[in-house]
Protein backbone atom coordinates (compact mmCIF):
# COMPACT_ATOMS: atom_id res chain seq x y z
CA MET A 1 -8.06 -2.24 9.99
CA ASN A 2 -6.06 -1.66 13.07
CA LEU A 3 -2.85 -2.93 13.49
CA GLU A 4 -2.13 -4.18 16.91
CA ASN A 5 1.10 -4.68 18.92
CA ALA A 6 2.68 -3.19 15.90
CA SER A 7 6.30 -2.71 15.83
CA ILE A 8 8.77 -1.55 12.97
CA VAL A 9 10.57 -4.43 11.36
CA THR A 10 13.28 -4.38 8.60
CA VAL A 11 12.27 -5.80 5.27
CA GLU A 12 15.05 -6.35 2.73
CA ASN A 13 15.31 -4.10 -0.08
CA ALA A 14 12.37 -1.89 1.33
CA THR A 15 12.60 1.93 0.86
CA VAL A 16 9.87 2.76 3.42
CA GLU A 17 9.10 1.92 6.88
CA PHE A 18 7.43 -1.40 7.38
CA LYS A 19 5.27 -2.37 10.45
CA LYS A 20 4.57 -5.79 11.70
CA GLY A 21 1.53 -6.75 14.14
CA THR A 22 -1.74 -8.59 14.15
CA ILE A 23 -5.15 -8.04 13.07
CA GLY A 24 -7.35 -10.45 15.21
CA THR A 25 -5.19 -13.48 14.86
CA ILE A 26 -3.59 -12.84 11.61
CA THR A 27 0.14 -11.67 11.37
CA THR A 28 0.17 -8.65 9.40
CA TYR A 29 2.70 -6.31 7.69
CA GLU A 30 1.90 -2.76 6.72
CA PHE A 31 3.40 -0.05 4.58
CA ASP A 32 2.53 3.18 3.15
CA THR A 33 3.80 4.64 -0.20
CA SER A 34 1.23 7.14 -0.43
CA LYS A 35 3.99 10.07 0.05
CA GLY A 36 6.60 8.58 -1.84
CA GLY A 37 8.85 5.53 -1.77
CA HIS A 38 8.50 3.33 -5.03
CA PRO A 39 5.16 1.35 -4.67
CA MET A 40 6.36 -1.54 -6.79
CA VAL A 41 9.62 -2.20 -4.88
CA ASN A 42 8.27 -2.01 -1.47
CA ALA A 43 5.23 -4.35 -2.52
CA MET A 44 7.68 -6.97 -3.73
CA ALA A 45 9.84 -6.63 -0.76
CA GLY A 46 6.93 -7.12 1.63
CA LEU A 47 5.32 -10.13 -0.53
CA ALA A 48 8.76 -11.90 -0.47
CA VAL A 49 8.42 -12.07 3.38
CA LEU A 50 4.81 -13.02 3.28
CA LYS A 51 4.08 -16.84 4.41
CA GLU A 52 0.89 -18.43 4.00
CA GLY A 53 -1.57 -17.44 6.64
CA GLU A 54 -0.13 -13.88 6.89
CA GLN A 55 -1.21 -10.80 5.03
CA LEU A 56 0.45 -7.49 3.79
CA ILE A 57 -1.52 -4.18 3.74
CA MET A 58 -0.16 -1.44 1.20
CA ILE A 59 -1.44 1.94 1.46
CA ASN A 60 -0.92 4.08 -1.71
CA HIS A 61 -2.49 6.92 -3.77
CA CYS A 62 -3.85 4.39 -6.22
CA ALA A 63 -4.06 0.44 -6.87
CA PRO A 64 -1.07 -0.69 -8.17
CA SER A 65 -2.31 -2.40 -11.49
CA GLY A 66 1.05 -2.99 -12.75
CA LEU A 67 1.91 -5.31 -9.92
CA PHE A 68 -1.37 -7.65 -10.15
CA PRO A 69 -0.27 -9.59 -13.34
CA LYS A 70 3.26 -10.36 -11.76
CA ILE A 71 1.63 -11.84 -8.50
CA GLU A 72 -1.60 -13.30 -9.33
CA LYS A 73 -0.45 -16.84 -9.60
CA GLU A 74 0.88 -16.79 -5.89
CA PHE A 75 -1.10 -14.07 -4.31
CA ASP A 76 -4.74 -12.95 -3.70
CA PHE A 77 -5.24 -9.04 -3.38
CA ALA A 78 -8.35 -6.73 -2.65
CA ASN A 79 -8.46 -2.97 -3.18
CA GLN A 80 -10.60 -0.71 -1.07
CA GLU A 81 -10.69 2.94 -1.45
CA LEU A 82 -10.25 4.84 1.93
CA PRO A 83 -12.25 7.94 3.03
CA ASN A 84 -9.19 9.93 2.52
CA GLY A 85 -8.92 9.30 -1.12
CA LEU A 86 -6.10 6.75 -0.70
CA THR A 87 -6.13 3.16 -1.89
CA GLN A 88 -5.72 0.05 0.46
CA THR A 89 -4.33 -3.24 -1.08
CA VAL A 90 -4.42 -6.40 0.98
CA PHE A 91 -2.35 -9.32 -0.13
CA SER A 92 -2.35 -12.85 1.08
CA LYS A 93 -0.42 -15.94 -0.22
CA LYS A 94 -2.53 -18.43 -1.90
CA SER A 95 -2.64 -21.89 -0.28
CA GLU A 96 -0.62 -24.70 -1.76
CA VAL A 97 0.94 -22.89 -4.36
CA SER A 98 4.43 -22.92 -5.85
CA ASN A 99 6.69 -19.97 -5.43
CA THR A 100 6.35 -18.42 -8.84
CA THR A 101 6.89 -14.81 -8.37
CA ASP A 102 9.98 -13.15 -9.64
CA PHE A 103 10.41 -10.63 -6.43
CA SER A 104 13.31 -8.69 -8.46
CA ALA A 105 10.66 -7.79 -11.08
CA THR A 106 10.02 -4.21 -9.54
CA SER A 107 9.66 -2.04 -12.91
CA CYS A 108 6.24 -0.94 -13.52
CA GLY A 109 4.64 -0.15 -16.68
CA GLY A 110 0.96 -0.20 -15.22
CA GLY A 111 0.48 2.64 -13.07
CA CYS A 112 -2.90 3.16 -11.39
CA GLY A 113 -5.83 1.10 -12.44
């Protein structure tokens, strides 16, 4: 996926750079924690700003399996292994669901999965 019209944006509580742009007509946020930067902290920070109809792309060294149970009621997600061995996870907010995610729950007991 190529992020078009991308610019760097400030995302509260993030420890890595976030970009915001579009993929087609979808507003998309993107961050990369494959080289460091607390994957859970940044995923929760990015998900906290996501609105219905937008998506968040996370690049990491693996799929963040410890994150999924914390967000599955409010967000859909799909993983794809990239040719370089990294994993891309695309998140989107489910339609017409209550805000149930505790975005301060950034500890992870899961790891890769």
